[in-house]
Amino acid sequence: MKTTNQLKLAAAVAAGLALVGCGSSSDGGDDSIAKVFDCDAVTSVPRTICIGSESDLSDSKIYTDLSTALQSVQSGDTIILPAGRYEMEGGFDFNGLDSIVGLTIKGAGMDKTILDFDGTSEDSFHITNMDDLIMEDLGVYESANNAIKTKDVDGVILRGVATVWETDYSPGNGAYGLYPVLSENILVEDCYVKGSADAGVYVGQSQNIVVRGCTAEKNVAGIEIENSINADVYNNIAIGNTGGILVFNLPIAENTRYTKNVRVFDNLVESNNAPNFAVAGSNPAGVHIVPPGTGIILLAAQDVEVFNNTIKNNETMAMAVTSFFLPDGDVDNYGTEYGSILASGWNPLMKSVNIHSNTISQEKYLPQAGALEDMQQIVLGYALKGGIPDIFYDGVGELLANAGELVPFAQDEGLNASPYFNPKEFLPYDYANDGDDKSDAICISENGSATMGSVTRVDPMAEDAWELDSENNPTGPKYVLTTDTPEIFTCGGESGKDIPTAASKAVVTFDDNTSFSCGVDDAATAPDACITVEI
C-alpha cells in the first residue's frame, strides 16, 4: 500500500477539521454525533466483543461493557465501540501479564466514537505487558493525565485516533496524547492530537518507531521522539504548537535507551508560535523550556537526519540544534549529578547530524525566549544583530569536547567500569570516519536561503572564545554569536567532512510478519516508497 505525501497530509487535515465544533450535551451525548450500534458479536476465537447494544447506548452501559471486556480479554480479541459521544466514569487500566498477543480496540471513526474522560483522575487508557495492540478509529477527550499510554508493549498500532483537550493552551490539560513508552515496534499513523500540556505524540524510551500522517496542533510539543532508537517521523503536520517536532535525548535514571538513528522528513512544520503552557518538571530540559515559535528542536541526539521538510512562519527559529549543555551548563557537577546516567550510556553532545534539502520560510519576527535563561541572552544578542538565524546550532558541546574540557569524563574510572559508557564520545570531535562508519560532524546544507548561526562555532583557541578569571585562566566558553557561511556546516565542503550521517530507515515489525517502513534512504525517492508489506 503506497501513499503519497499529498494524500497523507490531506487525510490528516480532513481528520482535524472533522473534529471542530464537537460539544457535549448535558447527558454526555453530542447532538452532532449520532449514536449508532453496528456490531455482530463473535464468541468463537478470535472473538468480537460488542460494546453497548441496540437497546442501550447509555454512558454507563458503554463504560461498564468496556470495563468488563478488558477484564476478560483473550489473545486475538477485537472490541468494537459504537458511534456517539460518551462520558466515562474512570480510566481503563489493562495489564496483559505478558500472555496476551493481539488485542484490537476499534471505534467507528475518530470523529464518530468519542470517549469523554472529563472529571476522571487517571490515564484514560493505560495498557501494559502484552504484544500486538491495535487502537483505531476513536477519539479520547479531556483526559486527566495521559490519553493513551502503552508500556512494555511489543507491537503498537495507533491508527486514526484523536486525543483532544478542547480548552486551548491550558496547563490543566493532560500531559500526553499518544504515549507509547518502554515499548517497541510502534506505528502511529493518521492520528490527530490537540491540546496536550506536554506532547501530543510522544514516543519515549522505545525502539523501532514510525510516526506518519498525523496532525498535531495547539500542544506544547507537537510530536516528540525522546530517548528512543530507530525512528522515522514523516508526512506529518505540526501546526500551532509551542514547538513543532522534537528529538530529545535526556538523562533518565535506570535507562539504557538513548536517542540514536532518527529521520525527520517530508513534514509540514508551520506557525508553531503558541505560548508554552507546560508545568516545569525535575528535568532541566523538559518541554517547559521550549521557546515559543520553534519549528524543530534536536537536543543531545546522535545519528539524526532532517530533510525534505517544509518549515515556515515559526517566529523564533525554524530549527534549533543543541547539546544538553545549553539547558544545564554546569559541567563541573555533571559527574556527581549525572554520573550513573553517563555510565548507562547517555551523552549530552550532539553528533552526526545531517540537515539538508529543507524548504524554510521565516519572516523576521520578534523571537521569544521562553523559560530558558541562556536562551533569553541568545535571543537578545541575535536581536541586536538583526535577528536570530533560521537554523541555530548552540555549538557549546562541540567546543567543550574540542577544547578538552570533557576529557575528565573519558578518564573517569568509575564511568569506564560500565559496559555502556564509551569514553571516546567525550574526546574532540572526529569529523571524518572515526571507525563507526560515521562522522561526528554537524552538517547543514542545501536549505535554500535559510540563514545559519551558532553560539560558539569558533576555534577554541581563539582569544575571544573563553571567559577568563582574574589570572587569565579559562573558566568556560563565552557565548559568541556568529552567523556562519553555509560552507562551515556542509558535509563534503571541507576536508575530512565527507562522511554522511549514519541515520537509516526505521522498520516496525509485528508478530504476524506485517512490516511498516519507508523503504529507502534516498531523499529523492523516499516519498513514494513508504509502504506496508506483508512478509
Protein backbone atom coordinates (compact mmCIF):
# COMPACT_ATOMS: atom_id res chain seq x y z
CA MET A 1 0.00 0.00 0.00
CA LYS A 2 1.71 3.16 -1.21
CA THR A 3 0.57 6.56 -0.02
CA THR A 4 1.82 9.87 -1.38
CA ASN A 5 2.63 12.88 0.76
CA GLN A 6 -0.31 14.81 -0.60
CA LEU A 7 -2.87 12.14 0.23
CA LYS A 8 -1.42 11.61 3.70
CA LEU A 9 -1.44 15.30 4.53
CA ALA A 10 -4.90 15.83 3.09
CA ALA A 11 -6.26 12.96 5.15
CA ALA A 12 -4.69 14.36 8.30
CA VAL A 13 -6.08 17.84 7.71
CA ALA A 14 -9.54 16.43 6.96
CA ALA A 15 -9.44 14.45 10.19
CA GLY A 16 -8.56 17.57 12.13
CA LEU A 17 -11.31 19.63 10.56
CA ALA A 18 -13.88 16.93 11.25
CA LEU A 19 -13.29 17.34 14.97
CA VAL A 20 -14.03 21.03 15.13
CA GLY A 21 -17.20 22.02 16.93
CA CYS A 22 -17.93 18.86 18.92
CA GLY A 23 -19.62 19.97 22.14
CA SER A 24 -21.14 17.85 24.88
CA SER A 25 -24.77 17.96 25.85
CA SER A 26 -25.80 17.68 29.48
CA ASP A 27 -26.32 13.89 29.41
CA GLY A 28 -22.85 13.22 27.98
CA GLY A 29 -24.03 12.78 24.44
CA ASP A 30 -23.26 15.01 21.49
CA ASP A 31 -26.09 16.43 19.39
CA SER A 32 -23.87 16.40 16.29
CA ILE A 33 -22.81 12.73 16.62
CA ALA A 34 -25.44 10.05 16.12
CA LYS A 35 -25.30 7.10 18.48
CA VAL A 36 -25.19 4.00 16.30
CA PHE A 37 -24.75 0.36 17.32
CA ASP A 38 -23.21 -1.59 14.43
CA CYS A 39 -21.61 -4.79 15.70
CA ASP A 40 -22.08 -8.53 15.35
CA ALA A 41 -20.60 -10.44 18.27
CA VAL A 42 -18.44 -13.50 17.61
CA THR A 43 -17.98 -15.87 20.52
CA SER A 44 -15.51 -18.26 18.92
CA VAL A 45 -11.79 -17.42 18.81
CA PRO A 46 -10.84 -14.85 17.59
CA ARG A 47 -13.73 -13.17 19.39
CA THR A 48 -15.56 -9.96 18.52
CA ILE A 49 -16.90 -8.20 21.61
CA CYS A 50 -19.62 -5.59 21.14
CA ILE A 51 -19.81 -2.62 23.49
CA GLY A 52 -23.36 -1.42 24.12
CA SER A 53 -26.44 -2.85 22.47
CA GLU A 54 -29.20 -1.92 20.06
CA SER A 55 -31.44 -1.05 23.01
CA ASP A 56 -28.88 0.59 25.33
CA LEU A 57 -26.22 3.07 24.32
CA SER A 58 -26.17 4.99 27.59
CA ASP A 59 -22.91 6.31 29.01
CA SER A 60 -22.99 3.86 31.91
CA LYS A 61 -23.61 0.91 29.57
CA ILE A 62 -20.63 1.80 27.37
CA TYR A 63 -18.36 2.30 30.37
CA THR A 64 -19.44 -0.92 32.12
CA ASP A 65 -19.25 -3.06 28.98
CA LEU A 66 -15.78 -1.80 28.10
CA SER A 67 -14.55 -2.34 31.66
CA THR A 68 -15.92 -5.88 31.65
CA ALA A 69 -14.42 -6.66 28.24
CA LEU A 70 -10.95 -5.52 29.29
CA GLN A 71 -11.13 -7.60 32.47
CA SER A 72 -11.64 -10.79 30.45
CA VAL A 73 -9.52 -10.21 27.33
CA GLN A 74 -8.16 -13.20 25.42
CA SER A 75 -5.46 -13.16 22.74
CA GLY A 76 -6.87 -12.11 19.39
CA ASP A 77 -9.94 -10.30 20.74
CA THR A 78 -11.46 -7.35 18.89
CA ILE A 79 -13.52 -4.88 20.93
CA ILE A 80 -15.97 -2.78 18.87
CA LEU A 81 -17.17 0.59 20.21
CA PRO A 82 -20.33 2.25 18.87
CA ALA A 83 -20.57 5.69 17.32
CA GLY A 84 -21.52 8.52 19.66
CA ARG A 85 -20.01 10.64 22.40
CA TYR A 86 -19.97 9.01 25.83
CA GLU A 87 -18.92 10.23 29.27
CA MET A 88 -16.65 7.77 31.07
CA GLU A 89 -16.72 7.23 34.84
CA GLY A 90 -12.98 6.49 35.06
CA GLY A 91 -9.94 5.32 33.13
CA PHE A 92 -9.14 1.83 31.85
CA ASP A 93 -6.05 0.01 33.13
CA PHE A 94 -5.25 -3.22 31.27
CA ASN A 95 -2.27 -5.48 32.13
CA GLY A 96 -1.71 -8.29 29.65
CA LEU A 97 0.55 -10.12 32.14
CA ASP A 98 2.90 -10.95 29.23
CA SER A 99 0.38 -13.53 27.98
CA ILE A 100 -1.89 -11.58 25.61
CA VAL A 101 -0.85 -11.49 21.95
CA GLY A 102 -3.23 -9.46 19.85
CA LEU A 103 -5.89 -7.01 21.06
CA THR A 104 -7.83 -4.58 18.87
CA ILE A 105 -9.97 -1.74 20.24
CA LYS A 106 -11.89 -0.15 17.37
CA GLY A 107 -14.46 2.61 17.05
CA ALA A 108 -16.49 3.98 14.16
CA GLY A 109 -14.07 6.83 13.42
CA MET A 110 -12.04 9.38 15.36
CA ASP A 111 -14.82 11.94 14.90
CA LYS A 112 -17.67 9.43 15.37
CA THR A 113 -16.72 7.47 18.52
CA ILE A 114 -15.67 9.86 21.28
CA LEU A 115 -14.96 8.78 24.86
CA ASP A 116 -15.04 11.82 27.16
CA PHE A 117 -12.99 11.48 30.36
CA ASP A 118 -13.73 14.91 31.82
CA GLY A 119 -13.91 14.63 35.62
CA THR A 120 -11.80 11.46 35.88
CA SER A 121 -8.42 11.43 37.63
CA GLU A 122 -6.17 8.91 35.88
CA ASP A 123 -4.86 7.89 32.48
CA SER A 124 -7.74 7.26 30.10
CA PHE A 125 -6.12 4.10 28.72
CA HIS A 126 -3.08 2.52 30.38
CA ILE A 127 -2.13 -0.72 28.61
CA THR A 128 0.90 -2.77 29.67
CA ASN A 129 2.73 -6.09 29.24
CA MET A 130 1.37 -7.52 26.00
CA ASP A 131 2.17 -7.90 22.30
CA ASP A 132 0.42 -6.50 19.24
CA LEU A 133 -2.04 -3.85 20.36
CA ILE A 134 -4.17 -2.01 17.82
CA MET A 135 -6.29 1.02 18.73
CA GLU A 136 -8.05 2.73 15.85
CA ASP A 137 -10.92 4.93 14.77
CA LEU A 138 -11.84 6.58 18.07
CA GLY A 139 -11.40 9.83 19.96
CA VAL A 140 -10.23 10.21 23.56
CA TYR A 141 -11.18 13.60 25.02
CA GLU A 142 -10.38 15.60 28.17
CA SER A 143 -8.07 13.08 29.85
CA ALA A 144 -6.98 13.99 33.35
CA ASN A 145 -3.42 12.77 32.79
CA ASN A 146 -2.47 10.85 29.64
CA ALA A 147 -4.94 9.88 26.94
CA ILE A 148 -3.44 6.60 25.66
CA LYS A 149 -0.34 5.22 27.36
CA THR A 150 1.30 1.92 26.49
CA LYS A 151 4.18 0.48 28.48
CA ASP A 152 6.17 -2.70 27.88
CA VAL A 153 4.20 -3.49 24.74
CA ASP A 154 5.90 -5.08 21.72
CA GLY A 155 3.83 -4.10 18.72
CA VAL A 156 1.69 -0.94 18.98
CA ILE A 157 -0.54 0.45 16.23
CA LEU A 158 -2.36 3.71 16.97
CA ARG A 159 -4.23 4.50 13.78
CA GLY A 160 -6.93 7.07 13.13
CA VAL A 161 -7.03 8.03 16.82
CA ALA A 162 -7.74 11.52 18.16
CA THR A 163 -6.69 12.80 21.58
CA VAL A 164 -8.19 16.18 22.32
CA TRP A 165 -8.36 18.78 25.07
CA GLU A 166 -10.89 21.37 23.98
CA THR A 167 -9.51 24.20 26.14
CA ASP A 168 -6.60 25.78 24.31
CA TYR A 169 -3.23 26.32 26.00
CA SER A 170 -4.30 25.27 29.48
CA PRO A 171 -1.74 23.89 31.97
CA GLY A 172 -4.65 21.94 33.44
CA ASN A 173 -4.85 19.79 30.33
CA GLY A 174 -3.39 16.29 30.45
CA ALA A 175 0.28 15.75 29.70
CA TYR A 176 0.46 13.34 26.75
CA GLY A 177 -1.94 12.40 23.98
CA LEU A 178 -0.48 9.28 22.34
CA TYR A 179 2.18 7.96 24.70
CA PRO A 180 3.99 4.69 23.91
CA VAL A 181 6.86 4.30 26.40
CA LEU A 182 9.31 1.47 27.12
CA SER A 183 7.83 -0.27 24.10
CA GLU A 184 8.98 -1.38 20.66
CA ASN A 185 7.70 -1.80 17.12
CA ILE A 186 5.41 1.23 17.21
CA LEU A 187 3.33 2.66 14.38
CA VAL A 188 1.40 5.91 14.92
CA GLU A 189 -0.42 6.94 11.76
CA ASP A 190 -3.24 9.19 10.58
CA CYS A 191 -3.90 10.48 14.10
CA TYR A 192 -4.97 13.89 15.40
CA VAL A 193 -3.63 15.34 18.67
CA LYS A 194 -4.64 18.67 20.18
CA GLY A 195 -4.13 20.48 23.47
CA SER A 196 -1.56 18.35 25.34
CA ALA A 197 0.25 20.22 28.10
CA ASP A 198 3.39 18.27 27.23
CA ALA A 199 3.45 16.40 23.88
CA GLY A 200 0.66 15.40 21.52
CA VAL A 201 2.52 12.40 20.14
CA TYR A 202 5.29 11.25 22.48
CA VAL A 203 7.34 8.09 22.00
CA GLY A 204 9.88 7.58 24.77
CA GLN A 205 12.49 5.01 25.81
CA SER A 206 11.41 2.84 22.90
CA GLN A 207 12.77 1.49 19.64
CA ASN A 208 11.64 0.78 16.08
CA ILE A 209 9.15 3.60 15.55
CA VAL A 210 7.20 5.10 12.66
CA VAL A 211 5.09 8.25 13.12
CA ARG A 212 3.38 9.28 9.90
CA GLY A 213 0.35 11.06 8.51
CA CYS A 214 -0.56 12.73 11.82
CA THR A 215 -1.71 16.27 12.60
CA ALA A 216 -0.55 17.85 15.86
CA GLU A 217 -1.85 21.27 16.84
CA LYS A 218 -2.02 23.50 19.90
CA ASN A 219 0.15 21.20 22.06
CA VAL A 220 3.30 22.32 23.84
CA ALA A 221 5.27 19.83 21.73
CA GLY A 222 3.51 18.57 18.63
CA ILE A 223 5.49 15.36 18.06
CA GLU A 224 8.34 14.23 20.29
CA ILE A 225 10.79 11.33 19.98
CA GLU A 226 12.63 11.06 23.29
CA ASN A 227 15.30 8.59 24.40
CA SER A 228 14.45 6.26 21.57
CA ILE A 229 16.31 4.29 18.90
CA ASN A 230 15.40 3.86 15.22
CA ALA A 231 12.57 6.26 14.41
CA ASP A 232 11.10 7.72 11.24
CA VAL A 233 8.83 10.78 11.51
CA TYR A 234 7.34 11.73 8.16
CA ASN A 235 4.31 13.10 6.29
CA ASN A 236 3.00 14.83 9.43
CA ILE A 237 1.62 18.31 10.06
CA ALA A 238 2.78 20.17 13.16
CA ILE A 239 0.94 23.49 13.36
CA GLY A 240 0.12 25.95 16.13
CA ASN A 241 2.17 24.20 18.85
CA THR A 242 4.86 25.79 21.04
CA GLY A 243 7.45 23.59 19.31
CA GLY A 244 6.58 21.53 16.24
CA ILE A 245 8.77 18.40 16.24
CA LEU A 246 11.25 17.50 19.00
CA VAL A 247 14.01 14.88 19.04
CA PHE A 248 15.32 14.82 22.62
CA ASN A 249 17.89 12.76 24.49
CA LEU A 250 17.54 13.33 28.24
CA PRO A 251 19.37 11.97 31.31
CA ILE A 252 16.92 9.42 32.70
CA ALA A 253 17.85 7.13 35.58
CA GLU A 254 17.69 3.36 35.11
CA ASN A 255 17.51 3.69 31.34
CA THR A 256 19.82 2.44 28.61
CA ARG A 257 17.91 3.68 25.57
CA TYR A 258 19.28 6.96 24.32
CA THR A 259 18.23 8.71 21.15
CA LYS A 260 20.03 7.50 18.05
CA ASN A 261 19.13 6.90 14.42
CA VAL A 262 16.18 9.22 13.82
CA ARG A 263 14.96 10.60 10.50
CA VAL A 264 12.55 13.54 10.24
CA PHE A 265 11.37 14.16 6.68
CA ASP A 266 8.51 15.29 4.43
CA ASN A 267 6.70 17.07 7.26
CA LEU A 268 4.91 20.43 7.28
CA VAL A 269 6.04 22.40 10.34
CA GLU A 270 4.18 25.68 10.37
CA SER A 271 3.38 28.57 12.72
CA ASN A 272 4.33 26.84 15.96
CA ASN A 273 4.05 30.05 17.97
CA ALA A 274 1.77 29.04 20.85
CA PRO A 275 2.57 30.08 24.43
CA ASN A 276 4.41 27.47 26.45
CA PHE A 277 1.84 26.20 28.95
CA ALA A 278 3.79 23.20 30.29
CA VAL A 279 4.39 22.84 34.01
CA ALA A 280 8.10 22.64 34.87
CA GLY A 281 9.31 19.22 36.00
CA SER A 282 12.51 17.90 37.53
CA ASN A 283 14.44 17.62 34.27
CA PRO A 284 16.13 20.90 33.28
CA ALA A 285 15.41 20.13 29.63
CA GLY A 286 11.72 19.30 29.85
CA VAL A 287 9.34 20.80 27.32
CA HIS A 288 8.71 23.73 29.67
CA ILE A 289 11.91 25.29 28.26
CA VAL A 290 10.85 25.06 24.60
CA PRO A 291 10.90 28.59 23.19
CA PRO A 292 7.56 29.52 21.64
CA GLY A 293 7.95 29.89 17.91
CA THR A 294 10.28 26.93 17.27
CA GLY A 295 9.79 24.55 14.37
CA ILE A 296 12.12 21.59 15.03
CA ILE A 297 14.43 21.02 18.00
CA LEU A 298 17.21 18.43 18.17
CA LEU A 299 18.64 18.07 21.69
CA ALA A 300 21.64 15.88 22.54
CA ALA A 301 20.68 13.25 19.95
CA GLN A 302 23.01 11.38 17.60
CA ASP A 303 22.73 9.98 14.08
CA VAL A 304 19.87 12.28 13.06
CA GLU A 305 18.85 13.27 9.54
CA VAL A 306 16.32 16.06 8.86
CA PHE A 307 15.39 16.51 5.20
CA ASN A 308 12.65 17.46 2.72
CA ASN A 309 10.58 19.26 5.35
CA THR A 310 8.63 22.47 4.76
CA ILE A 311 9.27 24.72 7.76
CA LYS A 312 7.65 28.13 7.75
CA ASN A 313 6.42 31.02 9.87
CA ASN A 314 7.83 29.84 13.21
CA GLU A 315 8.53 33.14 14.90
CA THR A 316 11.70 32.34 16.86
CA MET A 317 13.57 29.90 14.58
CA ALA A 318 12.95 27.15 12.08
CA MET A 319 15.35 24.72 13.77
CA ALA A 320 17.48 24.50 16.89
CA VAL A 321 20.33 22.00 17.31
CA THR A 322 21.62 21.96 20.87
CA SER A 323 23.64 19.91 23.29
CA PHE A 324 22.42 19.34 26.83
CA PHE A 325 24.93 21.96 27.95
CA LEU A 326 22.55 24.71 26.87
CA PRO A 327 19.82 23.88 29.44
CA ASP A 328 22.40 22.71 32.01
CA GLY A 329 25.87 24.18 31.55
CA ASP A 330 27.26 23.28 34.99
CA VAL A 331 29.90 20.94 33.57
CA ASP A 332 31.84 20.66 36.83
CA ASN A 333 28.89 18.96 38.52
CA TYR A 334 27.99 16.54 35.71
CA GLY A 335 29.99 13.73 37.32
CA THR A 336 28.01 13.88 40.56
CA GLU A 337 24.65 14.90 39.09
CA TYR A 338 24.60 12.57 36.09
CA GLY A 339 27.36 10.05 36.88
CA SER A 340 25.24 6.91 36.92
CA ILE A 341 23.31 8.10 33.86
CA LEU A 342 26.52 8.79 31.92
CA ALA A 343 27.62 5.28 32.89
CA SER A 344 24.41 3.89 31.42
CA GLY A 345 25.31 5.36 28.02
CA TRP A 346 23.76 8.83 27.99
CA ASN A 347 25.68 11.52 26.12
CA PRO A 348 24.96 15.26 26.38
CA LEU A 349 26.54 16.02 22.98
CA MET A 350 25.03 16.46 19.53
CA LYS A 351 26.91 14.34 16.99
CA SER A 352 26.41 13.00 13.49
CA VAL A 353 23.61 15.32 12.33
CA ASN A 354 22.70 15.99 8.72
CA ILE A 355 20.14 18.72 7.94
CA HIS A 356 19.55 19.15 4.23
CA SER A 357 17.12 19.80 1.41
CA ASN A 358 14.50 21.53 3.58
CA THR A 359 12.28 24.40 2.38
CA ILE A 360 12.48 27.10 5.04
CA SER A 361 10.49 30.31 5.01
CA GLN A 362 10.80 32.59 8.04
CA GLU A 363 9.81 36.20 8.30
CA LYS A 364 11.84 38.43 10.63
CA TYR A 365 9.64 38.11 13.68
CA LEU A 366 10.34 39.22 17.24
CA PRO A 367 11.75 35.97 18.70
CA GLN A 368 10.57 34.50 22.01
CA ALA A 369 12.95 33.02 24.57
CA GLY A 370 10.63 31.05 26.79
CA ALA A 371 11.82 29.88 30.21
CA LEU A 372 15.46 29.03 29.35
CA GLU A 373 17.66 31.74 30.85
CA ASP A 374 20.61 31.27 28.50
CA MET A 375 18.26 31.29 25.53
CA GLN A 376 16.98 34.67 26.62
CA GLN A 377 20.52 36.03 26.37
CA ILE A 378 20.98 34.42 22.97
CA VAL A 379 17.70 35.77 21.61
CA LEU A 380 18.57 39.25 22.85
CA GLY A 381 22.04 39.05 21.33
CA TYR A 382 20.75 37.98 17.96
CA ALA A 383 18.01 40.60 18.10
CA LEU A 384 20.76 43.20 18.32
CA LYS A 385 22.47 41.58 15.33
CA GLY A 386 19.33 41.80 13.23
CA GLY A 387 17.54 38.57 14.03
CA ILE A 388 18.08 35.01 15.16
CA PRO A 389 19.15 32.70 12.32
CA ASP A 390 16.67 30.29 10.76
CA ILE A 391 18.81 27.31 11.82
CA PHE A 392 20.56 27.74 15.15
CA TYR A 393 23.34 25.48 16.48
CA ASP A 394 24.43 26.08 20.05
CA GLY A 395 27.96 24.70 19.44
CA VAL A 396 28.71 24.54 23.16
CA GLY A 397 29.17 20.78 23.38
CA GLU A 398 31.45 20.69 20.36
CA LEU A 399 33.58 23.50 21.76
CA LEU A 400 33.88 21.83 25.17
CA ALA A 401 34.86 18.50 23.61
CA ASN A 402 37.37 20.03 21.21
CA ALA A 403 38.96 22.10 23.98
CA GLY A 404 39.45 19.00 26.13
CA GLU A 405 37.02 20.12 28.81
CA LEU A 406 35.21 16.75 28.70
CA VAL A 407 38.33 14.57 28.86
CA PRO A 408 37.81 14.03 32.64
CA PHE A 409 34.59 12.17 31.76
CA ALA A 410 36.52 9.88 29.43
CA GLN A 411 39.18 9.23 32.09
CA ASP A 412 36.79 8.58 34.98
CA GLU A 413 37.49 5.04 36.24
CA GLY A 414 34.01 4.67 37.66
CA LEU A 415 32.38 5.53 34.34
CA ASN A 416 34.75 3.31 32.39
CA ALA A 417 33.72 0.34 34.53
CA SER A 418 30.33 0.42 32.80
CA PRO A 419 29.84 -1.61 29.60
CA TYR A 420 27.53 1.13 28.29
CA PHE A 421 29.95 4.04 28.64
CA ASN A 422 32.01 4.99 25.58
CA PRO A 423 34.87 7.31 26.63
CA LYS A 424 35.65 8.11 23.01
CA GLU A 425 32.40 10.08 22.76
CA PHE A 426 33.80 12.80 25.04
CA LEU A 427 37.06 13.34 23.18
CA PRO A 428 37.46 16.01 20.45
CA TYR A 429 35.08 15.65 17.53
CA ASP A 430 36.27 13.38 14.73
CA TYR A 431 34.86 14.94 11.59
CA ALA A 432 35.99 12.09 9.34
CA ASN A 433 35.43 8.35 9.63
CA ASP A 434 36.05 7.50 13.28
CA GLY A 435 35.76 3.76 12.94
CA ASP A 436 32.00 3.73 13.47
CA ASP A 437 31.18 4.41 9.81
CA LYS A 438 30.03 7.90 10.61
CA SER A 439 31.25 11.39 11.24
CA ASP A 440 30.80 13.48 14.37
CA ALA A 441 30.07 16.49 12.19
CA ILE A 442 27.03 18.76 12.36
CA CYS A 443 26.20 19.10 8.66
CA ILE A 444 23.74 21.69 7.31
CA SER A 445 23.36 22.18 3.57
CA GLU A 446 21.03 22.87 0.65
CA ASN A 447 18.28 24.53 2.69
CA GLY A 448 17.64 27.30 0.20
CA SER A 449 18.22 30.80 1.53
CA ALA A 450 17.95 29.78 5.20
CA THR A 451 20.39 31.58 7.45
CA MET A 452 22.60 29.62 9.86
CA GLY A 453 24.29 30.63 13.05
CA SER A 454 25.73 29.37 16.30
CA VAL A 455 26.78 30.47 19.75
CA THR A 456 30.32 29.16 19.88
CA ARG A 457 31.15 27.75 16.48
CA VAL A 458 34.63 29.26 16.69
CA ASP A 459 38.15 27.99 17.14
CA PRO A 460 38.50 27.04 20.85
CA MET A 461 41.99 28.52 20.72
CA ALA A 462 40.63 31.88 19.65
CA GLU A 463 41.26 34.63 22.16
CA ASP A 464 37.60 35.60 22.46
CA ALA A 465 36.21 32.06 22.84
CA TRP A 466 36.56 31.76 26.60
CA GLU A 467 35.56 33.54 29.77
CA LEU A 468 38.71 34.29 31.78
CA ASP A 469 39.28 34.68 35.52
CA SER A 470 41.44 37.37 37.14
CA GLU A 471 44.56 35.34 36.31
CA ASN A 472 43.51 34.87 32.69
CA ASN A 473 42.67 31.20 33.10
CA PRO A 474 39.70 29.96 31.03
CA THR A 475 36.64 29.29 33.16
CA GLY A 476 34.16 28.29 30.46
CA PRO A 477 33.04 29.02 26.92
CA LYS A 478 31.99 32.53 26.11
CA TYR A 479 28.75 32.96 24.24
CA VAL A 480 29.98 34.25 20.90
CA LEU A 481 27.09 34.73 18.49
CA THR A 482 28.06 34.03 14.91
CA THR A 483 26.29 33.92 11.60
CA ASP A 484 28.36 31.41 9.69
CA THR A 485 28.71 30.88 5.99
CA PRO A 486 26.96 27.71 4.86
CA GLU A 487 30.29 26.08 3.98
CA ILE A 488 31.30 25.63 7.61
CA PHE A 489 28.40 23.21 8.11
CA THR A 490 28.44 21.47 4.72
CA CYS A 491 29.34 17.77 4.64
CA GLY A 492 31.93 17.42 1.91
CA GLY A 493 32.51 21.17 1.84
CA GLU A 494 35.62 20.88 3.97
CA SER A 495 38.46 18.40 4.00
CA GLY A 496 37.60 15.45 6.23
CA LYS A 497 33.88 16.26 6.45
CA ASP A 498 32.62 13.96 3.72
CA ILE A 499 31.14 11.13 5.79
CA PRO A 500 27.32 11.17 5.73
CA THR A 501 25.18 10.87 8.82
CA ALA A 502 24.57 7.26 9.77
CA ALA A 503 20.78 7.59 10.13
CA SER A 504 18.94 4.81 8.32
CA LYS A 505 15.34 3.72 7.83
CA ALA A 506 13.27 2.52 10.76
CA VAL A 507 11.40 -0.76 10.36
CA VAL A 508 8.41 -1.75 12.52
CA THR A 509 7.51 -5.47 12.56
CA PHE A 510 4.63 -7.34 14.19
CA ASP A 511 4.10 -10.95 15.16
CA ASP A 512 2.04 -11.63 12.04
CA ASN A 513 5.08 -10.59 9.95
CA THR A 514 3.50 -7.33 8.82
CA SER A 515 6.24 -4.74 8.38
CA PHE A 516 5.96 -0.95 8.15
CA SER A 517 8.78 1.23 6.84
CA CYS A 518 9.82 3.95 4.46
CA GLY A 519 11.79 1.52 2.41
CA VAL A 520 14.71 3.57 1.14
CA ASP A 521 17.27 6.01 2.46
CA ASP A 522 17.35 8.17 -0.66
CA ALA A 523 15.64 11.52 -0.09
CA ALA A 524 14.71 11.77 -3.78
CA THR A 525 12.58 8.61 -3.77
CA ALA A 526 11.53 8.26 -0.12
CA PRO A 527 8.04 9.80 -0.52
CA ASP A 528 6.98 7.07 -2.96
CA ALA A 529 8.47 4.17 -1.01
CA CYS A 530 6.76 4.39 2.36
CA ILE A 531 4.95 1.11 2.44
CA THR A 532 3.22 -1.63 4.36
CA VAL A 533 4.49 -5.07 3.41
CA GLU A 534 3.11 -8.49 4.25
CA ILE A 535 6.23 -10.63 4.61
